[in-house]
Amino acid sequence: MRAKASISERGAILLGNHVACDAFDADRVLHAVTHAHADHLSGLKKSIRSGKRVLMTAATRDLAEIIYGPLPHNGCSVEVIEYGTTVEQENERVTLVKADHILGAAQVLVENSDLRVAYTGDFRVDGTEPLLDCDVIVLEATYGNPAFKRSFGLDLKELLVSLVEKNLRHGTVYIFGYYGKLQEIMQILHEADVSVPFVMPERVYQVSKVCERHGMHLGNLTLASTNEGRELLGGNLPCVAFYHMNARGSVGLHASRICVSGWEFHSPYRRIGEREYLIAFSDHSDFQGLLEYVKRCKPKQVITDNYRVSHGATLAKEITRRLGIPAVAMPGK
């Protein structure tokens, strides 16, 4: 029996004959989750309630429960497996392979006696193990347009640390970003010996504690709701305050502010307000990184994800034109 790959109209990445990734599919008995971001958790609770076999890393499970609430139980539980561990579903072998994105992120490899098919999930190319010898790769396409290139020739981590340290002289520095990326920035600052308190609201704090349990080192974490947190923020004292991007319009409006976003391609950072900066720091590969990943894998065919972003069709055309590898965007729009 030959393996196959496709993407459903509802965004399920279909691998082989039994596996659906990152969305519910009524006809697939195994639901694999690549990581704990909302666009990749679609239909997860429905899959659990319907008794499907649900597969993910321990970190992804723990983050999903903090960010999106307790997972239901219906006579079965989520199967937590480590990177490199293979499970079987009838005639197919399913393996989670590490991806450099947020904590717990994984690629999904499905094999049978005939073919190997895989899904990258979201990733940064340099820290992600290429899935070699695959017949079909399903590829994320977040930055799938040729205009989306971040070739700045600078160390963005050093730039971030320098900008934070400079603005700490004036008091609190607010950093806005998304779950996972915020915790990565905490670790960068901690490793650079930025030793001021890191202050944050409850949800960011809970996500951070999960990351610490799974091996990340994040520094001196303080809840914004405690007396210490209120004193630090209320007095504009030297500390770094971490808030979800959704809070940007209402928090720290008169303090130093840094927004961390991958949607910046012209400069490594720029001023966007009187005391506000944007840094081009991403947990996704840019266009060049996506092409580089395909070069390293050398698949026979590529399917680009045209469901979660609108650049899948463009990326598929560029892969075919530049690399000579047949590529198609799914679902068609």
Protein backbone atom coordinates (compact mmCIF):
# COMPACT_ATOMS: atom_id res chain seq x y z
CA MET A 1 0.00 0.00 0.00
CA ARG A 2 1.43 3.34 -1.04
CA ALA A 3 1.51 6.33 1.28
CA LYS A 4 0.16 9.68 0.17
CA ALA A 5 -0.21 13.28 1.35
CA SER A 6 -2.70 16.13 0.91
CA ILE A 7 -4.35 19.01 2.76
CA SER A 8 -8.10 19.00 3.35
CA GLU A 9 -10.44 21.94 2.83
CA ARG A 10 -10.50 22.39 6.62
CA GLY A 11 -6.73 22.47 6.99
CA ALA A 12 -5.96 18.92 8.08
CA ILE A 13 -2.58 17.73 6.84
CA LEU A 14 -3.31 14.17 5.66
CA LEU A 15 -0.35 11.80 5.69
CA GLY A 16 -0.52 8.20 4.60
CA ASN A 17 -3.78 6.39 5.18
CA HIS A 18 -4.40 7.02 8.89
CA VAL A 19 -2.83 10.30 10.04
CA ALA A 20 -4.26 13.83 10.16
CA CYS A 21 -2.09 16.67 11.51
CA ASP A 22 -3.14 19.93 13.14
CA ALA A 23 -6.88 19.66 12.43
CA PHE A 24 -9.77 17.24 12.88
CA ASP A 25 -10.55 14.78 10.11
CA ALA A 26 -13.45 12.38 10.49
CA ASP A 27 -11.85 9.62 8.41
CA ARG A 28 -8.43 9.52 10.14
CA VAL A 29 -7.91 7.56 13.35
CA LEU A 30 -4.71 9.35 14.41
CA HIS A 31 -4.49 13.11 15.06
CA ALA A 32 -0.93 14.43 15.38
CA VAL A 33 -0.34 17.93 16.79
CA THR A 34 2.86 19.71 15.75
CA HIS A 35 2.81 22.54 18.33
CA ALA A 36 0.67 24.64 20.67
CA HIS A 37 -0.34 27.57 18.48
CA ALA A 38 -4.02 28.17 17.78
CA ASP A 39 -3.91 27.57 14.02
CA HIS A 40 -2.42 24.12 14.66
CA LEU A 41 -4.79 23.07 17.46
CA SER A 42 -7.96 23.18 15.39
CA GLY A 43 -10.32 20.34 16.19
CA LEU A 44 -8.08 18.87 18.90
CA LYS A 45 -10.78 18.63 21.56
CA LYS A 46 -13.19 17.19 18.99
CA SER A 47 -10.66 14.48 18.12
CA ILE A 48 -10.21 13.59 21.79
CA ARG A 49 -13.95 13.48 22.45
CA SER A 50 -14.50 11.24 19.42
CA GLY A 51 -11.92 8.74 20.67
CA LYS A 52 -9.21 9.30 18.10
CA ARG A 53 -5.60 8.47 18.84
CA VAL A 54 -3.99 11.84 19.62
CA LEU A 55 -0.21 12.27 19.44
CA MET A 56 2.03 15.15 20.58
CA THR A 57 5.10 15.98 22.65
CA ALA A 58 4.83 16.50 26.40
CA ALA A 59 5.66 20.20 26.09
CA THR A 60 2.95 20.71 23.46
CA ARG A 61 0.38 19.02 25.70
CA ASP A 62 1.33 21.13 28.71
CA LEU A 63 1.34 24.39 26.75
CA ALA A 64 -1.98 23.60 25.07
CA GLU A 65 -3.63 23.03 28.44
CA ILE A 66 -2.34 26.33 29.82
CA ILE A 67 -3.18 28.44 26.77
CA TYR A 68 -6.44 26.83 25.63
CA GLY A 69 -7.78 25.06 28.70
CA PRO A 70 -7.85 21.46 29.99
CA LEU A 71 -8.05 18.78 27.34
CA PRO A 72 -11.13 16.55 27.62
CA HIS A 73 -10.99 12.86 28.42
CA ASN A 74 -13.17 10.26 26.74
CA GLY A 75 -11.89 6.90 27.86
CA CYS A 76 -8.51 7.66 26.37
CA SER A 77 -5.72 10.15 26.89
CA VAL A 78 -3.34 12.06 24.68
CA GLU A 79 -0.32 9.95 23.75
CA VAL A 80 2.83 11.85 24.67
CA ILE A 81 5.97 10.71 22.85
CA GLU A 82 9.53 11.98 22.69
CA TYR A 83 11.29 13.13 19.55
CA GLY A 84 12.50 10.17 17.52
CA THR A 85 10.05 7.73 19.06
CA THR A 86 8.01 5.76 16.53
CA VAL A 87 4.48 4.48 17.04
CA GLU A 88 2.55 2.20 14.72
CA GLN A 89 -0.92 2.57 13.28
CA GLU A 90 -1.78 -0.56 11.33
CA ASN A 91 0.73 -0.69 8.44
CA GLU A 92 2.21 2.78 9.08
CA ARG A 93 4.96 4.09 11.36
CA VAL A 94 4.61 7.60 12.76
CA THR A 95 7.56 9.56 14.20
CA LEU A 96 7.80 13.06 15.69
CA VAL A 97 11.03 14.86 14.71
CA LYS A 98 12.22 18.06 16.41
CA ALA A 99 11.45 21.40 14.76
CA ASP A 100 12.94 24.73 15.82
CA HIS A 101 9.85 26.85 16.46
CA ILE A 102 8.31 27.09 19.93
CA LEU A 103 8.95 24.66 22.77
CA GLY A 104 7.72 21.17 21.90
CA ALA A 105 7.33 21.80 18.16
CA ALA A 106 7.65 18.74 15.93
CA GLN A 107 7.66 17.56 12.36
CA VAL A 108 5.60 14.45 11.54
CA LEU A 109 7.04 11.57 9.50
CA VAL A 110 4.80 8.74 8.25
CA GLU A 111 6.31 5.65 6.63
CA ASN A 112 5.13 2.36 5.20
CA SER A 113 6.84 -0.23 3.07
CA ASP A 114 6.50 1.89 -0.07
CA LEU A 115 6.93 5.58 0.67
CA ARG A 116 7.90 8.22 3.23
CA VAL A 117 5.71 11.33 3.60
CA ALA A 118 6.14 14.15 6.10
CA TYR A 119 4.84 17.47 7.37
CA THR A 120 7.21 20.16 8.61
CA GLY A 121 4.82 22.07 10.84
CA ASP A 122 6.20 25.56 11.52
CA PHE A 123 9.99 25.83 11.76
CA ARG A 124 13.23 27.78 11.45
CA VAL A 125 15.55 26.05 9.05
CA ASP A 126 18.89 26.25 10.86
CA GLY A 127 17.71 24.47 14.01
CA THR A 128 15.46 21.93 12.31
CA GLU A 129 16.54 18.45 11.26
CA PRO A 130 15.80 17.96 7.55
CA LEU A 131 13.60 14.98 6.76
CA LEU A 132 15.76 13.28 4.16
CA ASP A 133 14.66 10.76 1.53
CA CYS A 134 10.99 11.73 1.68
CA ASP A 135 8.85 11.18 -1.35
CA VAL A 136 6.46 13.99 -0.38
CA ILE A 137 7.01 16.91 2.01
CA VAL A 138 4.12 19.07 3.17
CA LEU A 139 5.70 22.46 3.81
CA GLU A 140 4.54 25.44 5.87
CA ALA A 141 4.28 28.64 3.80
CA THR A 142 3.99 31.51 6.29
CA TYR A 143 6.69 33.52 4.53
CA GLY A 144 6.27 31.88 1.14
CA ASN A 145 6.51 35.07 -0.91
CA PRO A 146 9.93 35.98 -2.42
CA ALA A 147 9.58 39.46 -0.86
CA PHE A 148 9.71 37.94 2.62
CA LYS A 149 13.47 37.83 3.21
CA ARG A 150 15.34 38.79 6.38
CA SER A 151 18.99 39.04 5.33
CA PHE A 152 20.23 41.74 7.66
CA GLY A 153 23.77 40.54 8.37
CA LEU A 154 23.32 41.32 12.07
CA ASP A 155 22.97 39.21 15.19
CA LEU A 156 19.37 39.95 16.17
CA LYS A 157 19.86 38.46 19.63
CA GLU A 158 22.69 40.89 20.38
CA LEU A 159 20.62 43.72 18.96
CA LEU A 160 17.68 42.80 21.18
CA VAL A 161 19.83 42.62 24.31
CA SER A 162 21.47 45.94 23.52
CA LEU A 163 18.13 47.68 22.95
CA VAL A 164 16.70 46.32 26.20
CA GLU A 165 19.76 47.31 28.24
CA LYS A 166 19.78 50.82 26.74
CA ASN A 167 16.13 51.43 27.57
CA LEU A 168 16.34 49.96 31.07
CA ARG A 169 18.21 53.15 32.02
CA HIS A 170 14.86 54.93 31.74
CA GLY A 171 12.86 52.36 33.73
CA THR A 172 10.57 49.51 32.71
CA VAL A 173 10.88 48.00 29.22
CA TYR A 174 7.72 46.34 27.87
CA ILE A 175 8.11 43.53 25.33
CA PHE A 176 5.11 42.40 23.28
CA GLY A 177 5.00 39.10 21.40
CA TYR A 178 3.26 35.74 21.20
CA TYR A 179 3.42 32.73 23.50
CA GLY A 180 6.58 30.76 22.92
CA LYS A 181 8.42 33.67 21.36
CA LEU A 182 8.13 35.68 24.60
CA GLN A 183 9.70 32.83 26.52
CA GLU A 184 12.50 32.52 23.98
CA ILE A 185 13.28 36.20 24.49
CA MET A 186 13.31 35.73 28.28
CA GLN A 187 15.90 32.99 27.82
CA ILE A 188 18.01 35.16 25.50
CA LEU A 189 18.03 38.03 28.01
CA HIS A 190 18.72 35.70 30.94
CA GLU A 191 21.67 34.10 29.14
CA ALA A 192 22.99 37.61 28.38
CA ASP A 193 22.97 38.38 32.12
CA VAL A 194 20.14 40.89 32.00
CA SER A 195 19.44 40.41 35.70
CA VAL A 196 16.46 42.70 36.36
CA PRO A 197 13.09 41.13 37.30
CA PHE A 198 10.92 39.82 34.47
CA VAL A 199 7.31 40.85 35.19
CA MET A 200 4.27 39.38 33.46
CA PRO A 201 0.52 38.70 33.76
CA GLU A 202 -0.88 35.35 34.88
CA ARG A 203 -1.15 33.59 31.52
CA VAL A 204 2.35 34.56 30.36
CA TYR A 205 3.66 33.48 33.78
CA GLN A 206 1.96 30.06 33.54
CA VAL A 207 3.33 29.47 30.04
CA SER A 208 6.79 30.48 31.29
CA LYS A 209 6.64 28.02 34.19
CA VAL A 210 5.76 25.22 31.75
CA CYS A 211 8.78 26.18 29.66
CA GLU A 212 10.99 26.06 32.74
CA ARG A 213 9.70 22.60 33.63
CA HIS A 214 10.78 21.47 30.16
CA GLY A 215 14.32 22.79 30.51
CA MET A 216 14.29 26.45 29.52
CA HIS A 217 16.08 28.95 31.80
CA LEU A 218 14.13 32.18 31.94
CA GLY A 219 15.42 34.28 34.84
CA ASN A 220 13.65 36.00 37.75
CA LEU A 221 9.92 35.67 36.97
CA THR A 222 7.47 37.92 38.83
CA LEU A 223 3.69 38.10 38.53
CA ALA A 224 2.40 41.56 37.69
CA SER A 225 -0.43 41.07 40.19
CA THR A 226 1.87 40.64 43.22
CA ASN A 227 2.95 43.51 45.44
CA GLU A 228 6.44 43.37 43.92
CA GLY A 229 5.06 43.37 40.39
CA ARG A 230 2.72 46.29 41.04
CA GLU A 231 5.55 48.26 42.66
CA LEU A 232 7.91 47.65 39.75
CA LEU A 233 5.42 48.56 37.04
CA GLY A 234 3.68 51.32 38.94
CA GLY A 235 6.98 53.02 39.76
CA ASN A 236 8.43 52.54 36.26
CA LEU A 237 11.38 50.78 37.90
CA PRO A 238 14.05 48.88 35.91
CA CYS A 239 12.49 45.56 34.89
CA VAL A 240 11.32 43.86 31.70
CA ALA A 241 7.56 43.37 31.37
CA PHE A 242 6.40 40.63 29.01
CA TYR A 243 2.89 40.87 27.55
CA HIS A 244 1.00 39.12 24.77
CA MET A 245 0.83 41.13 21.55
CA ASN A 246 -2.93 41.58 22.07
CA ALA A 247 -2.19 43.83 25.09
CA ARG A 248 -0.06 46.24 23.08
CA GLY A 249 -2.84 48.83 22.75
CA SER A 250 -3.49 49.13 26.47
CA VAL A 251 -0.31 48.36 28.45
CA GLY A 252 2.86 50.36 29.03
CA LEU A 253 1.76 53.23 26.82
CA HIS A 254 4.13 55.76 28.41
CA ALA A 255 7.13 53.46 28.88
CA SER A 256 9.80 52.01 26.60
CA ARG A 257 8.20 49.35 24.37
CA ILE A 258 9.56 46.66 22.04
CA CYS A 259 7.34 44.69 19.66
CA VAL A 260 8.79 41.43 18.37
CA SER A 261 7.48 40.41 14.96
CA GLY A 262 8.50 38.33 11.97
CA TRP A 263 6.58 40.62 9.62
CA GLU A 264 9.47 43.01 9.12
CA PHE A 265 11.79 42.54 6.15
CA HIS A 266 13.38 45.93 5.43
CA SER A 267 15.48 46.50 8.55
CA PRO A 268 16.45 44.51 11.65
CA TYR A 269 14.69 47.04 13.83
CA ARG A 270 13.03 50.43 13.52
CA ARG A 271 11.41 53.03 15.69
CA ILE A 272 7.60 52.97 15.40
CA GLY A 273 6.78 55.47 18.15
CA GLU A 274 8.37 57.99 20.47
CA ARG A 275 9.75 55.23 22.73
CA GLU A 276 8.60 52.16 20.82
CA TYR A 277 10.60 49.84 18.56
CA LEU A 278 9.88 46.86 16.32
CA ILE A 279 12.45 44.05 16.03
CA ALA A 280 12.34 41.58 13.14
CA PHE A 281 12.61 38.45 15.27
CA SER A 282 10.75 35.41 13.95
CA ASP A 283 10.19 31.78 14.87
CA HIS A 284 9.48 30.92 11.21
CA SER A 285 11.84 30.49 8.26
CA ASP A 286 11.76 33.32 5.76
CA PHE A 287 11.38 32.64 2.03
CA GLN A 288 15.05 31.75 1.60
CA GLY A 289 14.91 29.41 4.59
CA LEU A 290 11.92 27.56 3.13
CA LEU A 291 13.79 27.00 -0.13
CA GLU A 292 16.90 25.92 1.77
CA TYR A 293 14.93 23.33 3.72
CA VAL A 294 13.57 21.82 0.49
CA LYS A 295 17.08 21.76 -0.97
CA ARG A 296 18.36 19.83 2.04
CA CYS A 297 15.50 17.30 2.00
CA LYS A 298 15.47 16.69 -1.76
CA PRO A 299 11.90 15.34 -1.86
CA LYS A 300 10.31 14.06 -5.02
CA GLN A 301 7.30 16.33 -4.50
CA VAL A 302 6.32 19.28 -2.27
CA ILE A 303 2.86 20.29 -1.10
CA THR A 304 2.64 23.81 0.34
CA ASP A 305 0.13 24.74 3.03
CA ASN A 306 -2.30 27.11 1.37
CA TYR A 307 -4.81 26.95 4.24
CA ARG A 308 -3.16 28.82 7.13
CA VAL A 309 -1.66 31.60 4.98
CA SER A 310 -2.23 32.98 1.49
CA HIS A 311 1.28 32.39 0.16
CA GLY A 312 1.17 28.65 -0.48
CA ALA A 313 0.45 28.98 -4.20
CA THR A 314 3.29 31.46 -4.70
CA LEU A 315 5.73 29.27 -2.79
CA ALA A 316 4.77 26.18 -4.81
CA LYS A 317 5.43 28.00 -8.09
CA GLU A 318 8.79 29.27 -6.87
CA ILE A 319 9.91 25.82 -5.67
CA THR A 320 9.09 24.32 -9.05
CA ARG A 321 10.74 27.18 -10.96
CA ARG A 322 13.89 27.56 -8.86
CA LEU A 323 14.53 24.00 -7.66
CA GLY A 324 12.94 21.91 -10.39
CA ILE A 325 10.92 19.93 -7.85
CA PRO A 326 7.20 19.45 -8.59
CA ALA A 327 5.18 21.46 -6.05
CA VAL A 328 1.50 22.15 -5.58
CA ALA A 329 -0.48 24.28 -3.13
CA MET A 330 -3.34 22.72 -1.19
CA PRO A 331 -6.17 23.29 -0.69
CA GLY A 332 -6.78 25.09 -3.97
CA LYS A 333 -8.35 28.52 -3.68
